[in-house]
PDB file of all heavy atoms in Angstrom:
ATOM      1  N   LEU A   1      87.894 182.939 130.241  1.00  0.00           N
ATOM      2  CA  LEU A   1      89.079 183.558 129.670  1.00  0.00           C
ATOM      3  C   LEU A   1      89.641 182.687 128.556  1.00  0.00           C
ATOM      4  O   LEU A   1      89.789 181.487 128.706  1.00  0.00           O
ATOM      5  CB  LEU A   1      90.142 183.739 130.759  1.00  0.00           C
ATOM      6  CG  LEU A   1      89.896 184.878 131.736  1.00  0.00           C
ATOM      7  CD1 LEU A   1      90.894 184.807 132.876  1.00  0.00           C
ATOM      8  CD2 LEU A   1      89.997 186.208 131.069  1.00  0.00           C
ATOM      9  N   THR A   2      89.980 183.316 127.483  1.00  0.00           N
ATOM     10  CA  THR A   2      90.647 182.614 126.394  1.00  0.00           C
ATOM     11  C   THR A   2      91.867 183.401 126.009  1.00  0.00           C
ATOM     12  O   THR A   2      91.982 184.591 126.287  1.00  0.00           O
ATOM     13  CB  THR A   2      89.736 182.453 125.167  1.00  0.00           C
ATOM     14  OG1 THR A   2      89.382 183.740 124.694  1.00  0.00           O
ATOM     15  CG2 THR A   2      88.484 181.680 125.524  1.00  0.00           C
ATOM     16  N   ALA A   3      92.793 182.769 125.356  1.00  0.00           N
ATOM     17  CA  ALA A   3      94.023 183.437 124.994  1.00  0.00           C
ATOM     18  C   ALA A   3      94.402 183.103 123.580  1.00  0.00           C
ATOM     19  O   ALA A   3      94.069 182.029 123.074  1.00  0.00           O
ATOM     20  CB  ALA A   3      95.162 183.063 125.944  1.00  0.00           C
ATOM     21  N   ALA A   4      95.186 183.970 122.989  1.00  0.00           N
ATOM     22  CA  ALA A   4      95.630 183.743 121.632  1.00  0.00           C
ATOM     23  C   ALA A   4      96.861 182.860 121.598  1.00  0.00           C
ATOM     24  O   ALA A   4      97.175 182.271 120.577  1.00  0.00           O
ATOM     25  CB  ALA A   4      95.908 185.062 120.932  1.00  0.00           C
ATOM     26  N   GLY A   5      97.573 182.774 122.702  1.00  0.00           N
ATOM     27  CA  GLY A   5      98.777 181.970 122.758  1.00  0.00           C
ATOM     28  C   GLY A   5      98.760 181.043 123.936  1.00  0.00           C
ATOM     29  O   GLY A   5      97.880 181.078 124.770  1.00  0.00           O
ATOM     30  N   GLY A   6      99.772 180.196 124.069  1.00  0.00           N
ATOM     31  CA  GLY A   6      99.819 179.230 125.180  1.00  0.00           C
ATOM     32  C   GLY A   6     100.250 179.861 126.454  1.00  0.00           C
ATOM     33  O   GLY A   6     100.694 180.988 126.522  1.00  0.00           O
ATOM     34  N   CYS A   7     100.134 179.064 127.558  1.00  0.00           N
ATOM     35  CA  CYS A   7     100.436 179.595 128.866  1.00  0.00           C
ATOM     36  C   CYS A   7     101.926 179.715 129.110  1.00  0.00           C
ATOM     37  O   CYS A   7     102.365 180.442 129.972  1.00  0.00           O
ATOM     38  CB  CYS A   7      99.802 178.706 129.947  1.00  0.00           C
ATOM     39  SG  CYS A   7      98.054 178.960 130.075  1.00  0.00           S
ATOM     40  N   GLY A   8     102.694 179.007 128.476  1.00  0.00           N
ATOM     41  CA  GLY A   8     104.121 179.126 128.703  1.00  0.00           C
ATOM     42  C   GLY A   8     104.919 178.913 127.472  1.00  0.00           C
ATOM     43  O   GLY A   8     106.083 178.573 127.532  1.00  0.00           O
ATOM     44  N   GLY A   9     104.276 179.011 126.360  1.00  0.00           N
ATOM     45  CA  GLY A   9     104.975 178.763 125.119  1.00  0.00           C
ATOM     46  C   GLY A   9     105.031 177.308 124.788  1.00  0.00           C
ATOM     47  O   GLY A   9     105.648 176.879 123.830  1.00  0.00           O
ATOM     48  N   GLY A  10     104.447 176.433 125.625  1.00  0.00           N
ATOM     49  CA  GLY A  10     104.531 174.984 125.429  1.00  0.00           C
ATOM     50  C   GLY A  10     103.510 174.474 124.436  1.00  0.00           C
ATOM     51  O   GLY A  10     103.510 173.309 124.095  1.00  0.00           O
ATOM     52  N   GLY A  11     102.613 175.308 123.960  1.00  0.00           N
ATOM     53  CA  GLY A  11     101.620 174.804 123.014  1.00  0.00           C
ATOM     54  C   GLY A  11     100.702 175.940 122.596  1.00  0.00           C
ATOM     55  O   GLY A  11     100.661 176.983 123.224  1.00  0.00           O
ATOM     56  N   GLU A  12     100.063 175.715 121.486  1.00  0.00           N
ATOM     57  CA  GLU A  12      99.126 176.723 120.993  1.00  0.00           C
ATOM     58  C   GLU A  12      97.722 176.381 121.407  1.00  0.00           C
ATOM     59  O   GLU A  12      97.329 175.226 121.455  1.00  0.00           O
ATOM     60  CB  GLU A  12      99.213 176.782 119.451  1.00  0.00           C
ATOM     61  CG  GLU A  12     100.564 177.265 118.929  1.00  0.00           C
ATOM     62  CD  GLU A  12     100.852 178.685 119.336  1.00  0.00           C
ATOM     63  OE1 GLU A  12      99.879 179.462 119.462  1.00  0.00           O
ATOM     64  OE2 GLU A  12     102.032 179.029 119.533  1.00  0.00           O
ATOM     65  N   HIS A  13      96.938 177.419 121.726  1.00  0.00           N
ATOM     66  CA  HIS A  13      95.563 177.248 122.147  1.00  0.00           C
ATOM     67  C   HIS A  13      94.666 177.967 121.150  1.00  0.00           C
ATOM     68  O   HIS A  13      94.959 179.090 120.753  1.00  0.00           O
ATOM     69  CB  HIS A  13      95.305 177.829 123.551  1.00  0.00           C
ATOM     70  CG  HIS A  13      95.965 177.014 124.644  1.00  0.00           C
ATOM     71  ND1 HIS A  13      95.260 176.172 125.473  1.00  0.00           N
ATOM     72  CD2 HIS A  13      97.272 176.923 125.004  1.00  0.00           C
ATOM     73  CE1 HIS A  13      96.095 175.598 126.321  1.00  0.00           C
ATOM     74  NE2 HIS A  13      97.331 176.054 126.057  1.00  0.00           N
ATOM     75  N   GLY A  14      93.570 177.361 120.771  1.00  0.00           N
ATOM     76  CA  GLY A  14      92.621 178.026 119.901  1.00  0.00           C
ATOM     77  C   GLY A  14      91.857 179.072 120.699  1.00  0.00           C
ATOM     78  O   GLY A  14      91.760 179.002 121.936  1.00  0.00           O
ATOM     79  N   CYS A  15      91.251 180.020 119.985  1.00  0.00           N
ATOM     80  CA  CYS A  15      90.562 181.105 120.656  1.00  0.00           C
ATOM     81  C   CYS A  15      89.367 180.623 121.449  1.00  0.00           C
ATOM     82  O   CYS A  15      88.885 181.323 122.330  1.00  0.00           O
ATOM     83  CB  CYS A  15      90.110 182.152 119.629  1.00  0.00           C
ATOM     84  SG  CYS A  15      91.508 183.088 118.943  1.00  0.00           S
ATOM     85  N   ALA A  16      88.813 179.467 121.138  1.00  0.00           N
ATOM     86  CA  ALA A  16      87.619 178.979 121.834  1.00  0.00           C
ATOM     87  C   ALA A  16      87.943 178.156 123.049  1.00  0.00           C
ATOM     88  O   ALA A  16      87.053 177.752 123.787  1.00  0.00           O
ATOM     89  CB  ALA A  16      86.730 178.200 120.873  1.00  0.00           C
ATOM     90  N   GLU A  17      89.214 177.855 123.273  1.00  0.00           N
ATOM     91  CA  GLU A  17      89.574 177.000 124.401  1.00  0.00           C
ATOM     92  C   GLU A  17      89.597 177.808 125.691  1.00  0.00           C
ATOM     93  O   GLU A  17      90.011 178.963 125.716  1.00  0.00           O
ATOM     94  CB  GLU A  17      90.965 176.381 124.167  1.00  0.00           C
ATOM     95  CG  GLU A  17      91.019 175.433 122.970  1.00  0.00           C
ATOM     96  CD  GLU A  17      92.409 174.823 122.865  1.00  0.00           C
ATOM     97  OE1 GLU A  17      92.958 174.410 123.882  1.00  0.00           O
ATOM     98  OE2 GLU A  17      92.936 174.751 121.732  1.00  0.00           O
ATOM     99  N   ASP A  18      89.165 177.145 126.806  1.00  0.00           N
ATOM    100  CA  ASP A  18      89.263 177.762 128.097  1.00  0.00           C
ATOM    101  C   ASP A  18      90.721 177.874 128.523  1.00  0.00           C
ATOM    102  O   ASP A  18      91.506 176.946 128.350  1.00  0.00           O
ATOM    103  CB  ASP A  18      88.513 176.961 129.150  1.00  0.00           C
ATOM    104  CG  ASP A  18      87.016 177.066 128.980  1.00  0.00           C
ATOM    105  OD1 ASP A  18      86.604 177.956 128.242  1.00  0.00           O
ATOM    106  OD2 ASP A  18      86.306 176.240 129.579  1.00  0.00           O
ATOM    107  N   LEU A  19      91.072 178.993 129.066  1.00  0.00           N
ATOM    108  CA  LEU A  19      92.433 179.187 129.573  1.00  0.00           C
ATOM    109  C   LEU A  19      92.533 178.559 130.952  1.00  0.00           C
ATOM    110  O   LEU A  19      91.754 178.894 131.853  1.00  0.00           O
ATOM    111  CB  LEU A  19      92.736 180.698 129.633  1.00  0.00           C
ATOM    112  CG  LEU A  19      94.167 181.038 130.048  1.00  0.00           C
ATOM    113  CD1 LEU A  19      95.143 180.588 128.960  1.00  0.00           C
ATOM    114  CD2 LEU A  19      94.290 182.531 130.279  1.00  0.00           C
ATOM    115  N   VAL A  20      93.449 177.667 131.136  1.00  0.00           N
ATOM    116  CA  VAL A  20      93.560 176.959 132.420  1.00  0.00           C
ATOM    117  C   VAL A  20      94.842 177.339 133.147  1.00  0.00           C
ATOM    118  O   VAL A  20      95.221 176.677 134.111  1.00  0.00           O
ATOM    119  CB  VAL A  20      93.498 175.427 132.191  1.00  0.00           C
ATOM    120  CG1 VAL A  20      92.146 175.032 131.653  1.00  0.00           C
ATOM    121  CG2 VAL A  20      94.609 174.973 131.221  1.00  0.00           C
ATOM    122  N   CYS A  21      95.506 178.365 132.663  1.00  0.00           N
ATOM    123  CA  CYS A  21      96.747 178.783 133.314  1.00  0.00           C
ATOM    124  C   CYS A  21      96.440 179.353 134.705  1.00  0.00           C
ATOM    125  O   CYS A  21      95.457 180.017 134.909  1.00  0.00           O
ATOM    126  CB  CYS A  21      97.448 179.852 132.493  1.00  0.00           C
ATOM    127  SG  CYS A  21      97.509 179.504 130.743  1.00  0.00           S
ATOM    128  N   GLU A  22      97.342 179.142 135.613  1.00  0.00           N
ATOM    129  CA  GLU A  22      97.184 179.711 136.961  1.00  0.00           C
ATOM    130  C   GLU A  22      97.825 181.101 136.975  1.00  0.00           C
ATOM    131  O   GLU A  22      98.914 181.311 136.471  1.00  0.00           O
ATOM    132  CB  GLU A  22      97.855 178.827 138.003  1.00  0.00           C
ATOM    133  CG  GLU A  22      97.650 179.366 139.423  1.00  0.00           C
ATOM    134  CD  GLU A  22      98.338 178.488 140.451  1.00  0.00           C
ATOM    135  OE1 GLU A  22      99.274 177.769 140.108  1.00  0.00           O
ATOM    136  OE2 GLU A  22      97.923 178.556 141.625  1.00  0.00           O
ATOM    137  N   ILE A  23      97.077 182.055 137.541  1.00  0.00           N
ATOM    138  CA  ILE A  23      97.576 183.424 137.681  1.00  0.00           C
ATOM    139  C   ILE A  23      98.111 183.572 139.095  1.00  0.00           C
ATOM    140  O   ILE A  23      97.460 183.199 140.072  1.00  0.00           O
ATOM    141  CB  ILE A  23      96.443 184.432 137.434  1.00  0.00           C
ATOM    142  CG1 ILE A  23      95.736 184.134 136.107  1.00  0.00           C
ATOM    143  CG2 ILE A  23      96.994 185.853 137.449  1.00  0.00           C
ATOM    144  CD1 ILE A  23      96.640 184.222 134.902  1.00  0.00           C
ATOM    145  N   VAL A  24      99.294 184.127 139.187  1.00  0.00           N
ATOM    146  CA  VAL A  24      99.959 184.252 140.495  1.00  0.00           C
ATOM    147  C   VAL A  24     100.001 185.715 140.886  1.00  0.00           C
ATOM    148  O   VAL A  24     100.396 186.575 140.081  1.00  0.00           O
ATOM    149  CB  VAL A  24     101.372 183.671 140.454  1.00  0.00           C
ATOM    150  CG1 VAL A  24     102.050 183.782 141.816  1.00  0.00           C
ATOM    151  CG2 VAL A  24     101.345 182.219 139.994  1.00  0.00           C
ATOM    152  N   ASN A  25      99.566 186.028 142.104  1.00  0.00           N
ATOM    153  CA  ASN A  25      99.582 187.384 142.623  1.00  0.00           C
ATOM    154  C   ASN A  25     101.000 187.817 142.952  1.00  0.00           C
ATOM    155  O   ASN A  25     101.938 187.002 143.032  1.00  0.00           O
ATOM    156  CB  ASN A  25      98.709 187.498 143.886  1.00  0.00           C
ATOM    157  CG  ASN A  25      97.248 187.240 143.575  1.00  0.00           C
ATOM    158  OD1 ASN A  25      96.717 187.745 142.607  1.00  0.00           O
ATOM    159  ND2 ASN A  25      96.616 186.439 144.425  1.00  0.00           N
ATOM    160  N   ASP A  26     101.168 189.109 143.152  1.00  0.00           N
ATOM    161  CA  ASP A  26     102.495 189.640 143.477  1.00  0.00           C
ATOM    162  C   ASP A  26     103.049 189.058 144.756  1.00  0.00           C
ATOM    163  O   ASP A  26     104.253 188.961 144.926  1.00  0.00           O
ATOM    164  CB  ASP A  26     102.431 191.180 143.614  1.00  0.00           C
ATOM    165  CG  ASP A  26     102.201 191.849 142.270  1.00  0.00           C
ATOM    166  OD1 ASP A  26     102.539 191.215 141.246  1.00  0.00           O
ATOM    167  OD2 ASP A  26     101.678 192.969 142.242  1.00  0.00           O
ATOM    168  N   ASP A  27     102.149 188.680 145.687  1.00  0.00           N
ATOM    169  CA  ASP A  27     102.623 188.102 146.955  1.00  0.00           C
ATOM    170  C   ASP A  27     102.832 186.602 146.862  1.00  0.00           C
ATOM    171  O   ASP A  27     103.063 185.936 147.884  1.00  0.00           O
ATOM    172  CB  ASP A  27     101.663 188.446 148.090  1.00  0.00           C
ATOM    173  CG  ASP A  27     100.255 187.901 147.831  1.00  0.00           C
ATOM    174  OD1 ASP A  27     100.060 187.189 146.809  1.00  0.00           O
ATOM    175  OD2 ASP A  27      99.363 188.168 148.661  1.00  0.00           O
ATOM    176  N   GLY A  28     102.734 186.055 145.682  1.00  0.00           N
ATOM    177  CA  GLY A  28     102.982 184.640 145.485  1.00  0.00           C
ATOM    178  C   GLY A  28     101.758 183.749 145.638  1.00  0.00           C
ATOM    179  O   GLY A  28     101.836 182.556 145.378  1.00  0.00           O
ATOM    180  N   THR A  29     100.636 184.332 146.050  1.00  0.00           N
ATOM    181  CA  THR A  29      99.418 183.521 146.210  1.00  0.00           C
ATOM    182  C   THR A  29      98.747 183.350 144.866  1.00  0.00           C
ATOM    183  O   THR A  29      98.936 184.119 143.922  1.00  0.00           O
ATOM    184  CB  THR A  29      98.459 184.172 147.198  1.00  0.00           C
ATOM    185  OG1 THR A  29      98.111 185.479 146.691  1.00  0.00           O
ATOM    186  CG2 THR A  29      99.121 184.324 148.572  1.00  0.00           C
ATOM    187  N   SER A  30      97.929 182.334 144.794  1.00  0.00           N
ATOM    188  CA  SER A  30      97.247 182.050 143.530  1.00  0.00           C
ATOM    189  C   SER A  30      95.989 182.895 143.390  1.00  0.00           C
ATOM    190  O   SER A  30      95.232 183.083 144.335  1.00  0.00           O
ATOM    191  CB  SER A  30      96.852 180.566 143.492  1.00  0.00           C
ATOM    192  OG  SER A  30      96.041 180.294 142.358  1.00  0.00           O
ATOM    193  N   ASN A  31      95.817 183.398 142.190  1.00  0.00           N
ATOM    194  CA  ASN A  31      94.579 184.120 141.847  1.00  0.00           C
ATOM    195  C   ASN A  31      93.675 183.232 140.994  1.00  0.00           C
ATOM    196  O   ASN A  31      92.758 183.716 140.307  1.00  0.00           O
ATOM    197  CB  ASN A  31      94.908 185.413 141.099  1.00  0.00           C
ATOM    198  CG  ASN A  31      93.817 186.471 141.282  1.00  0.00           C
ATOM    199  OD1 ASN A  31      93.434 186.756 142.401  1.00  0.00           O
ATOM    200  ND2 ASN A  31      93.353 187.043 140.178  1.00  0.00           N
ATOM    201  N   GLY A  32      93.978 181.941 141.035  1.00  0.00           N
ATOM    202  CA  GLY A  32      93.190 181.023 140.225  1.00  0.00           C
ATOM    203  C   GLY A  32      93.429 181.279 138.753  1.00  0.00           C
ATOM    204  O   GLY A  32      94.577 181.486 138.331  1.00  0.00           O
ATOM    205  N   HIS A  33      92.383 181.278 137.975  1.00  0.00           N
ATOM    206  CA  HIS A  33      92.490 181.554 136.559  1.00  0.00           C
ATOM    207  C   HIS A  33      91.891 182.920 136.217  1.00  0.00           C
ATOM    208  O   HIS A  33      91.455 183.155 135.099  1.00  0.00           O
ATOM    209  CB  HIS A  33      91.769 180.467 135.761  1.00  0.00           C
ATOM    210  CG  HIS A  33      92.169 179.077 136.155  1.00  0.00           C
ATOM    211  ND1 HIS A  33      93.479 178.653 136.139  1.00  0.00           N
ATOM    212  CD2 HIS A  33      91.440 178.017 136.596  1.00  0.00           C
ATOM    213  CE1 HIS A  33      93.561 177.404 136.537  1.00  0.00           C
ATOM    214  NE2 HIS A  33      92.317 176.986 136.846  1.00  0.00           N
ATOM    215  N   CYS A  34      91.895 183.810 137.194  1.00  0.00           N
ATOM    216  CA  CYS A  34      91.262 185.148 137.043  1.00  0.00           C
ATOM    217  C   CYS A  34      92.305 186.186 136.698  1.00  0.00           C
ATOM    218  O   CYS A  34      93.182 186.463 137.522  1.00  0.00           O
ATOM    219  CB  CYS A  34      90.559 185.531 138.340  1.00  0.00           C
ATOM    220  SG  CYS A  34      89.919 187.237 138.346  1.00  0.00           S
ATOM    221  N   TRP A  35      92.220 186.701 135.471  1.00  0.00           N
ATOM    222  CA  TRP A  35      93.054 187.851 135.130  1.00  0.00           C
ATOM    223  C   TRP A  35      92.230 189.097 135.434  1.00  0.00           C
ATOM    224  O   TRP A  35      91.533 189.653 134.620  1.00  0.00           O
ATOM    225  CB  TRP A  35      93.444 187.813 133.651  1.00  0.00           C
ATOM    226  CG  TRP A  35      94.389 188.924 133.271  1.00  0.00           C
ATOM    227  CD1 TRP A  35      94.102 189.993 132.512  1.00  0.00           C
ATOM    228  CD2 TRP A  35      95.753 189.058 133.640  1.00  0.00           C
ATOM    229  NE1 TRP A  35      95.190 190.810 132.394  1.00  0.00           N
ATOM    230  CE2 TRP A  35      96.228 190.258 133.073  1.00  0.00           C
ATOM    231  CE3 TRP A  35      96.616 188.285 134.436  1.00  0.00           C
ATOM    232  CZ2 TRP A  35      97.534 190.703 133.252  1.00  0.00           C
ATOM    233  CZ3 TRP A  35      97.923 188.733 134.574  1.00  0.00           C
ATOM    234  CH2 TRP A  35      98.374 189.921 134.010  1.00  0.00           C
ATOM    235  N   GLY A  36      92.269 189.500 136.681  1.00  0.00           N
ATOM    236  CA  GLY A  36      91.477 190.594 137.197  1.00  0.00           C
ATOM    237  C   GLY A  36      91.590 190.572 138.728  1.00  0.00           C
ATOM    238  O   GLY A  36      92.563 190.055 139.267  1.00  0.00           O
ATOM    239  N   ARG A  37      90.605 191.092 139.402  1.00  0.00           N
ATOM    240  CA  ARG A  37      90.612 191.059 140.856  1.00  0.00           C
ATOM    241  C   ARG A  37      89.531 190.126 141.344  1.00  0.00           C
ATOM    242  O   ARG A  37      88.363 190.220 140.932  1.00  0.00           O
ATOM    243  CB  ARG A  37      90.379 192.470 141.453  1.00  0.00           C
ATOM    244  CG  ARG A  37      90.457 192.423 142.981  1.00  0.00           C
ATOM    245  CD  ARG A  37      90.554 193.752 143.618  1.00  0.00           C
ATOM    246  NE  ARG A  37      90.736 193.594 145.077  1.00  0.00           N
ATOM    247  CZ  ARG A  37      90.827 194.598 145.936  1.00  0.00           C
ATOM    248  NH1 ARG A  37      90.719 195.844 145.498  1.00  0.00           N
ATOM    249  NH2 ARG A  37      90.998 194.382 147.224  1.00  0.00           N
ATOM    250  N   CYS A  38      89.920 189.243 142.237  1.00  0.00           N
ATOM    251  CA  CYS A  38      88.951 188.354 142.883  1.00  0.00           C
ATOM    252  C   CYS A  38      88.373 189.060 144.099  1.00  0.00           C
ATOM    253  O   CYS A  38      89.097 189.558 144.968  1.00  0.00           O
ATOM    254  CB  CYS A  38      89.635 187.046 143.301  1.00  0.00           C
ATOM    255  SG  CYS A  38      90.038 185.967 141.897  1.00  0.00           S
ATOM    256  N   VAL A  39      87.056 189.094 144.139  1.00  0.00           N
ATOM    257  CA  VAL A  39      86.368 189.823 145.220  1.00  0.00           C
ATOM    258  C   VAL A  39      85.314 188.909 145.818  1.00  0.00           C
ATOM    259  O   VAL A  39      84.838 187.967 145.166  1.00  0.00           O
ATOM    260  CB  VAL A  39      85.704 191.112 144.670  1.00  0.00           C
ATOM    261  CG1 VAL A  39      86.741 192.064 144.106  1.00  0.00           C
ATOM    262  CG2 VAL A  39      84.646 190.782 143.626  1.00  0.00           C
ATOM    263  N   PRO A  40      84.933 189.149 147.080  1.00  0.00           N
ATOM    264  CA  PRO A  40      83.924 188.305 147.712  1.00  0.00           C
ATOM    265  C   PRO A  40      82.604 188.353 146.959  1.00  0.00           C
ATOM    266  O   PRO A  40      82.135 189.418 146.572  1.00  0.00           O
ATOM    267  CB  PRO A  40      83.796 188.896 149.121  1.00  0.00           C
ATOM    268  CG  PRO A  40      85.071 189.642 149.361  1.00  0.00           C
ATOM    269  CD  PRO A  40      85.493 190.157 148.017  1.00  0.00           C
ATOM    270  N   GLU A  41      82.021 187.219 146.772  1.00  0.00           N
ATOM    271  CA  GLU A  41      80.711 187.122 146.129  1.00  0.00           C
ATOM    272  C   GLU A  41      79.640 187.539 147.140  1.00  0.00           C
ATOM    273  O   GLU A  41      79.670 187.066 148.283  1.00  0.00           O
ATOM    274  CB  GLU A  41      80.472 185.702 145.656  1.00  0.00           C
ATOM    275  CG  GLU A  41      79.218 185.525 144.827  1.00  0.00           C
ATOM    276  CD  GLU A  41      79.110 184.121 144.257  1.00  0.00           C
ATOM    277  OE1 GLU A  41      79.739 183.220 144.833  1.00  0.00           O
ATOM    278  OE2 GLU A  41      78.395 183.951 143.276  1.00  0.00           O
ATOM    279  N   PRO A  42      78.712 188.415 146.778  1.00  0.00           N
ATOM    280  CA  PRO A  42      77.698 188.842 147.746  1.00  0.00           C
ATOM    281  C   PRO A  42      76.696 187.727 148.022  1.00  0.00           C
ATOM    282  O   PRO A  42      76.510 186.830 147.186  1.00  0.00           O
ATOM    283  CB  PRO A  42      77.031 190.023 147.036  1.00  0.00           C
ATOM    284  CG  PRO A  42      77.199 189.728 145.586  1.00  0.00           C
ATOM    285  CD  PRO A  42      78.540 189.035 145.459  1.00  0.00           C
ATOM    286  N   PRO A  43      76.074 187.766 149.189  1.00  0.00           N
ATOM    287  CA  PRO A  43      75.007 186.817 149.454  1.00  0.00           C
ATOM    288  C   PRO A  43      73.904 186.909 148.393  1.00  0.00           C
ATOM    289  O   PRO A  43      73.712 187.953 147.762  1.00  0.00           O
ATOM    290  CB  PRO A  43      74.491 187.224 150.831  1.00  0.00           C
ATOM    291  CG  PRO A  43      75.619 187.981 151.452  1.00  0.00           C
ATOM    292  CD  PRO A  43      76.330 188.660 150.327  1.00  0.00           C
ATOM    293  N   GLU A  44      73.194 185.830 148.207  1.00  0.00           N
ATOM    294  CA  GLU A  44      72.160 185.805 147.181  1.00  0.00           C
ATOM    295  C   GLU A  44      71.130 186.926 147.429  1.00  0.00           C
ATOM    296  O   GLU A  44      70.662 187.133 148.543  1.00  0.00           O
ATOM    297  CB  GLU A  44      71.459 184.431 147.206  1.00  0.00           C
ATOM    298  CG  GLU A  44      70.452 184.265 146.084  1.00  0.00           C
ATOM    299  CD  GLU A  44      69.858 182.877 146.048  1.00  0.00           C
ATOM    300  OE1 GLU A  44      70.306 182.013 146.853  1.00  0.00           O
ATOM    301  OE2 GLU A  44      68.953 182.638 145.242  1.00  0.00           O
ATOM    302  N   GLY A  45      70.821 187.600 146.371  1.00  0.00           N
ATOM    303  CA  GLY A  45      69.819 188.664 146.434  1.00  0.00           C
ATOM    304  C   GLY A  45      70.382 190.041 146.726  1.00  0.00           C
ATOM    305  O   GLY A  45      69.648 191.030 146.662  1.00  0.00           O
ATOM    306  N   LEU A  46      71.670 190.109 147.085  1.00  0.00           N
ATOM    307  CA  LEU A  46      72.290 191.415 147.370  1.00  0.00           C
ATOM    308  C   LEU A  46      73.065 191.910 146.151  1.00  0.00           C
ATOM    309  O   LEU A  46      73.466 191.108 145.294  1.00  0.00           O
ATOM    310  CB  LEU A  46      73.188 191.326 148.595  1.00  0.00           C
ATOM    311  CG  LEU A  46      72.470 191.059 149.922  1.00  0.00           C
ATOM    312  CD1 LEU A  46      73.457 191.050 151.057  1.00  0.00           C
ATOM    313  CD2 LEU A  46      71.380 192.112 150.176  1.00  0.00           C
ATOM    314  N   PRO A  47      73.310 193.231 146.053  1.00  0.00           N
ATOM    315  CA  PRO A  47      73.952 193.783 144.847  1.00  0.00           C
ATOM    316  C   PRO A  47      75.332 193.223 144.594  1.00  0.00           C
ATOM    317  O   PRO A  47      76.093 192.951 145.538  1.00  0.00           O
ATOM    318  CB  PRO A  47      74.004 195.279 145.167  1.00  0.00           C
ATOM    319  CG  PRO A  47      72.942 195.512 146.180  1.00  0.00           C
ATOM    320  CD  PRO A  47      72.889 194.263 146.999  1.00  0.00           C
TER     321      PRO A  47
END
């Protein structure tokens, strides 16, 4: 994930920089740095 602006207005990030901001779910839990849905990874070889 990259962003055009900073995570809190505290600095500017270039388009090539990794976004390291923490994403917080509605229930207050961390979604890591995933702007999307975190889902279980399937076992190796499965769809």
